[in-house]
Amino acid sequence: MSCNEALPWSIALIERFETRWDWERLSLNQALPWSIALIERFETQADWERLLESSLPWSIALIERFETRWDWWTLSGNKAYSWSIALIERFEDR
């Protein structure tokens, strides 16, 4: 069920079955309504390597909010985000 993109995904649905999800597969599910709030709510359950492959709402705010969680090697190869010189300079020590 965790990878089913046809479910009516919401924070409420995820909370209802929080202990039953396969979080690796759920973190890959492109149909989830990904947002900073959703990730914050399930920060400890999320599979951070798999989130890098998901359709997250990539932004500087998202990257900064979870700065210590990212695998920076993998993140740097993410083609879904528009990298800029300013962004590279902001995180150059990572």
N, C-alpha and C. Protein backbone atom coordinates (compact mmCIF):
# COMPACT_ATOMS: atom_id res chain seq x y z
N MET A 1 0.81 -1.20 0.00
CA MET A 1 0.00 0.00 0.00
C MET A 1 0.86 1.27 0.00
N SER A 2 2.03 1.20 0.58
CA SER A 2 2.87 2.39 0.72
C SER A 2 3.27 3.00 -0.61
N CYS A 3 3.31 2.20 -1.66
CA CYS A 3 3.70 2.73 -2.96
C CYS A 3 2.50 2.97 -3.88
N ASN A 4 1.29 2.80 -3.37
CA ASN A 4 0.08 2.98 -4.16
C ASN A 4 -0.17 4.47 -4.39
N GLU A 5 -0.05 4.89 -5.63
CA GLU A 5 -0.23 6.30 -5.95
C GLU A 5 -1.70 6.70 -6.11
N ALA A 6 -2.60 5.72 -6.07
CA ALA A 6 -4.03 6.01 -6.26
C ALA A 6 -4.76 6.29 -4.95
N LEU A 7 -4.11 6.09 -3.82
CA LEU A 7 -4.77 6.38 -2.54
C LEU A 7 -4.99 7.88 -2.38
N PRO A 8 -6.00 8.28 -1.62
CA PRO A 8 -6.24 9.71 -1.37
C PRO A 8 -5.29 10.22 -0.28
N TRP A 9 -4.04 10.40 -0.63
CA TRP A 9 -3.00 10.72 0.34
C TRP A 9 -3.25 12.04 1.06
N SER A 10 -3.03 12.02 2.36
CA SER A 10 -3.14 13.21 3.20
C SER A 10 -2.36 12.93 4.49
N ILE A 11 -2.08 13.97 5.23
CA ILE A 11 -1.40 13.78 6.52
C ILE A 11 -2.27 12.91 7.42
N ALA A 12 -3.58 13.12 7.38
CA ALA A 12 -4.49 12.33 8.23
C ALA A 12 -4.41 10.84 7.90
N LEU A 13 -4.38 10.50 6.63
CA LEU A 13 -4.28 9.09 6.24
C LEU A 13 -2.95 8.50 6.70
N ILE A 14 -1.89 9.23 6.51
CA ILE A 14 -0.57 8.73 6.93
C ILE A 14 -0.53 8.56 8.45
N GLU A 15 -1.06 9.53 9.18
CA GLU A 15 -1.10 9.43 10.65
C GLU A 15 -1.92 8.23 11.12
N ARG A 16 -3.03 7.98 10.45
CA ARG A 16 -3.92 6.90 10.88
C ARG A 16 -3.22 5.54 10.87
N PHE A 17 -2.34 5.33 9.91
CA PHE A 17 -1.65 4.04 9.78
C PHE A 17 -0.13 4.21 9.94
N GLU A 18 0.26 5.20 10.71
CA GLU A 18 1.66 5.59 10.85
C GLU A 18 2.61 4.43 11.14
N THR A 19 2.20 3.51 11.97
CA THR A 19 3.09 2.41 12.35
C THR A 19 3.06 1.24 11.36
N ARG A 20 2.20 1.32 10.38
CA ARG A 20 2.05 0.21 9.44
C ARG A 20 2.69 0.45 8.08
N TRP A 21 3.06 1.68 7.78
CA TRP A 21 3.64 1.98 6.47
C TRP A 21 5.04 1.41 6.32
N ASP A 22 5.38 1.09 5.10
CA ASP A 22 6.76 0.78 4.73
C ASP A 22 7.35 2.15 4.36
N TRP A 23 8.11 2.73 5.28
CA TRP A 23 8.56 4.11 5.11
C TRP A 23 9.55 4.29 3.97
N GLU A 24 10.28 3.25 3.61
CA GLU A 24 11.16 3.35 2.44
C GLU A 24 10.32 3.57 1.18
N ARG A 25 9.30 2.73 1.02
CA ARG A 25 8.43 2.86 -0.16
C ARG A 25 7.58 4.13 -0.10
N LEU A 26 7.09 4.45 1.08
CA LEU A 26 6.28 5.66 1.22
C LEU A 26 7.10 6.90 0.85
N SER A 27 8.36 6.91 1.24
CA SER A 27 9.23 8.05 0.94
C SER A 27 9.49 8.20 -0.55
N LEU A 28 9.30 7.14 -1.30
CA LEU A 28 9.46 7.17 -2.75
C LEU A 28 8.17 7.51 -3.49
N ASN A 29 7.05 7.49 -2.79
CA ASN A 29 5.75 7.65 -3.44
C ASN A 29 5.58 9.07 -3.98
N GLN A 30 5.48 9.17 -5.30
CA GLN A 30 5.37 10.47 -5.97
C GLN A 30 4.01 11.13 -5.77
N ALA A 31 3.01 10.36 -5.32
CA ALA A 31 1.66 10.90 -5.18
C ALA A 31 1.41 11.59 -3.83
N LEU A 32 2.33 11.45 -2.90
CA LEU A 32 2.12 12.10 -1.61
C LEU A 32 2.15 13.62 -1.77
N PRO A 33 1.38 14.34 -0.96
CA PRO A 33 1.37 15.80 -1.04
C PRO A 33 2.57 16.39 -0.29
N TRP A 34 3.76 16.16 -0.84
CA TRP A 34 4.98 16.55 -0.15
C TRP A 34 5.01 18.04 0.13
N SER A 35 5.41 18.37 1.34
CA SER A 35 5.56 19.76 1.78
C SER A 35 6.50 19.75 2.98
N ILE A 36 6.98 20.91 3.35
CA ILE A 36 7.83 20.99 4.54
C ILE A 36 7.05 20.49 5.76
N ALA A 37 5.77 20.86 5.86
CA ALA A 37 4.95 20.42 7.00
C ALA A 37 4.83 18.91 7.06
N LEU A 38 4.61 18.27 5.93
CA LEU A 38 4.50 16.81 5.89
C LEU A 38 5.82 16.16 6.30
N ILE A 39 6.91 16.67 5.78
CA ILE A 39 8.21 16.09 6.12
C ILE A 39 8.52 16.32 7.59
N GLU A 40 8.22 17.51 8.11
CA GLU A 40 8.44 17.78 9.54
C GLU A 40 7.65 16.81 10.41
N ARG A 41 6.41 16.56 10.04
CA ARG A 41 5.55 15.69 10.84
C ARG A 41 6.10 14.27 10.93
N PHE A 42 6.72 13.80 9.84
CA PHE A 42 7.21 12.42 9.79
C PHE A 42 8.73 12.37 9.61
N GLU A 43 9.40 13.36 10.15
CA GLU A 43 10.85 13.50 9.97
C GLU A 43 11.63 12.27 10.42
N THR A 44 11.23 11.68 11.52
CA THR A 44 11.99 10.54 12.04
C THR A 44 11.66 9.23 11.32
N GLN A 45 10.50 9.16 10.70
CA GLN A 45 10.12 7.94 9.98
C GLN A 45 10.59 7.95 8.53
N ALA A 46 10.72 9.12 7.95
CA ALA A 46 11.06 9.24 6.53
C ALA A 46 12.40 8.57 6.22
N ASP A 47 12.48 8.02 5.03
CA ASP A 47 13.73 7.45 4.54
C ASP A 47 14.39 8.56 3.71
N TRP A 48 15.40 9.18 4.28
CA TRP A 48 15.99 10.38 3.68
C TRP A 48 16.68 10.12 2.35
N GLU A 49 17.24 8.95 2.17
CA GLU A 49 17.84 8.61 0.88
C GLU A 49 16.76 8.52 -0.19
N ARG A 50 15.63 7.94 0.16
CA ARG A 50 14.52 7.79 -0.80
C ARG A 50 13.84 9.13 -1.07
N LEU A 51 13.76 9.99 -0.06
CA LEU A 51 13.16 11.31 -0.29
C LEU A 51 13.88 12.08 -1.38
N LEU A 52 15.18 11.86 -1.49
CA LEU A 52 15.95 12.55 -2.52
C LEU A 52 15.51 12.14 -3.92
N GLU A 53 14.84 11.01 -4.03
CA GLU A 53 14.35 10.52 -5.32
C GLU A 53 12.88 10.88 -5.54
N SER A 54 12.26 11.51 -4.56
CA SER A 54 10.83 11.83 -4.64
C SER A 54 10.59 13.19 -5.27
N SER A 55 9.33 13.46 -5.53
CA SER A 55 8.94 14.73 -6.14
C SER A 55 8.70 15.77 -5.05
N LEU A 56 9.74 16.08 -4.32
CA LEU A 56 9.63 17.07 -3.25
C LEU A 56 9.49 18.46 -3.84
N PRO A 57 8.89 19.39 -3.10
CA PRO A 57 8.79 20.77 -3.57
C PRO A 57 10.13 21.48 -3.31
N TRP A 58 11.13 21.17 -4.12
CA TRP A 58 12.49 21.65 -3.87
C TRP A 58 12.54 23.17 -3.82
N SER A 59 13.19 23.66 -2.78
CA SER A 59 13.40 25.09 -2.59
C SER A 59 14.57 25.27 -1.63
N ILE A 60 15.10 26.46 -1.59
CA ILE A 60 16.18 26.75 -0.65
C ILE A 60 15.68 26.55 0.78
N ALA A 61 14.42 26.91 1.05
CA ALA A 61 13.85 26.74 2.39
C ALA A 61 13.81 25.27 2.79
N LEU A 62 13.42 24.41 1.86
CA LEU A 62 13.37 22.97 2.14
C LEU A 62 14.77 22.43 2.41
N ILE A 63 15.71 22.80 1.58
CA ILE A 63 17.08 22.32 1.75
C ILE A 63 17.65 22.81 3.08
N GLU A 64 17.46 24.08 3.40
CA GLU A 64 17.96 24.63 4.66
C GLU A 64 17.29 24.00 5.87
N ARG A 65 15.98 23.80 5.80
CA ARG A 65 15.24 23.26 6.95
C ARG A 65 15.75 21.90 7.38
N PHE A 66 16.15 21.08 6.41
CA PHE A 66 16.60 19.73 6.71
C PHE A 66 18.08 19.55 6.35
N GLU A 67 18.84 20.62 6.48
CA GLU A 67 20.24 20.65 6.08
C GLU A 67 21.07 19.50 6.66
N THR A 68 20.80 19.11 7.88
CA THR A 68 21.59 18.05 8.50
C THR A 68 21.12 16.65 8.13
N ARG A 69 20.00 16.55 7.46
CA ARG A 69 19.45 15.24 7.09
C ARG A 69 19.89 14.74 5.71
N TRP A 70 20.21 15.65 4.81
CA TRP A 70 20.49 15.27 3.43
C TRP A 70 21.80 14.52 3.26
N ASP A 71 21.81 13.61 2.33
CA ASP A 71 23.06 13.02 1.84
C ASP A 71 23.49 13.98 0.73
N TRP A 72 24.46 14.82 1.03
CA TRP A 72 24.82 15.91 0.12
C TRP A 72 25.41 15.42 -1.19
N TRP A 73 26.05 14.30 -1.19
CA TRP A 73 26.59 13.74 -2.43
C TRP A 73 25.44 13.43 -3.39
N THR A 74 24.42 12.77 -2.87
CA THR A 74 23.26 12.43 -3.69
C THR A 74 22.46 13.67 -4.05
N LEU A 75 22.27 14.57 -3.10
CA LEU A 75 21.52 15.80 -3.37
C LEU A 75 22.17 16.62 -4.48
N SER A 76 23.48 16.66 -4.49
CA SER A 76 24.18 17.47 -5.50
C SER A 76 23.94 16.96 -6.92
N GLY A 77 23.53 15.71 -7.06
CA GLY A 77 23.23 15.17 -8.38
C GLY A 77 21.76 15.22 -8.74
N ASN A 78 20.95 15.82 -7.89
CA ASN A 78 19.50 15.88 -8.12
C ASN A 78 19.18 16.85 -9.25
N LYS A 79 18.63 16.33 -10.33
CA LYS A 79 18.31 17.15 -11.49
C LYS A 79 16.96 17.85 -11.37
N ALA A 80 16.20 17.52 -10.34
CA ALA A 80 14.88 18.13 -10.16
C ALA A 80 14.97 19.53 -9.57
N TYR A 81 16.14 19.91 -9.09
CA TYR A 81 16.29 21.24 -8.50
C TYR A 81 17.17 22.09 -9.39
N SER A 82 16.80 23.36 -9.53
CA SER A 82 17.58 24.29 -10.35
C SER A 82 18.71 24.86 -9.50
N TRP A 83 19.88 24.33 -9.71
CA TRP A 83 21.04 24.77 -8.95
C TRP A 83 21.51 26.12 -9.47
N SER A 84 21.94 26.96 -8.56
CA SER A 84 22.46 28.29 -8.91
C SER A 84 23.80 28.48 -8.22
N ILE A 85 24.54 29.45 -8.68
CA ILE A 85 25.83 29.77 -8.04
C ILE A 85 25.60 30.14 -6.57
N ALA A 86 24.57 30.93 -6.31
CA ALA A 86 24.26 31.34 -4.93
C ALA A 86 23.98 30.12 -4.05
N LEU A 87 23.23 29.17 -4.56
CA LEU A 87 22.92 27.97 -3.79
C LEU A 87 24.17 27.14 -3.55
N ILE A 88 24.98 26.99 -4.57
CA ILE A 88 26.23 26.23 -4.43
C ILE A 88 27.13 26.90 -3.40
N GLU A 89 27.24 28.22 -3.47
CA GLU A 89 28.06 28.95 -2.49
C GLU A 89 27.49 28.82 -1.08
N ARG A 90 26.17 28.84 -0.96
CA ARG A 90 25.53 28.74 0.36
C ARG A 90 25.88 27.43 1.06
N PHE A 91 26.00 26.35 0.28
CA PHE A 91 26.26 25.04 0.85
C PHE A 91 27.61 24.47 0.43
N GLU A 92 28.56 25.31 0.06
CA GLU A 92 29.83 24.82 -0.46
C GLU A 92 30.62 23.96 0.53
N ASP A 93 30.40 24.15 1.81
CA ASP A 93 31.13 23.35 2.81
C ASP A 93 30.51 21.97 3.01
N ARG A 94 29.39 21.71 2.37
CA ARG A 94 28.72 20.41 2.50
C ARG A 94 29.34 19.49 1.50
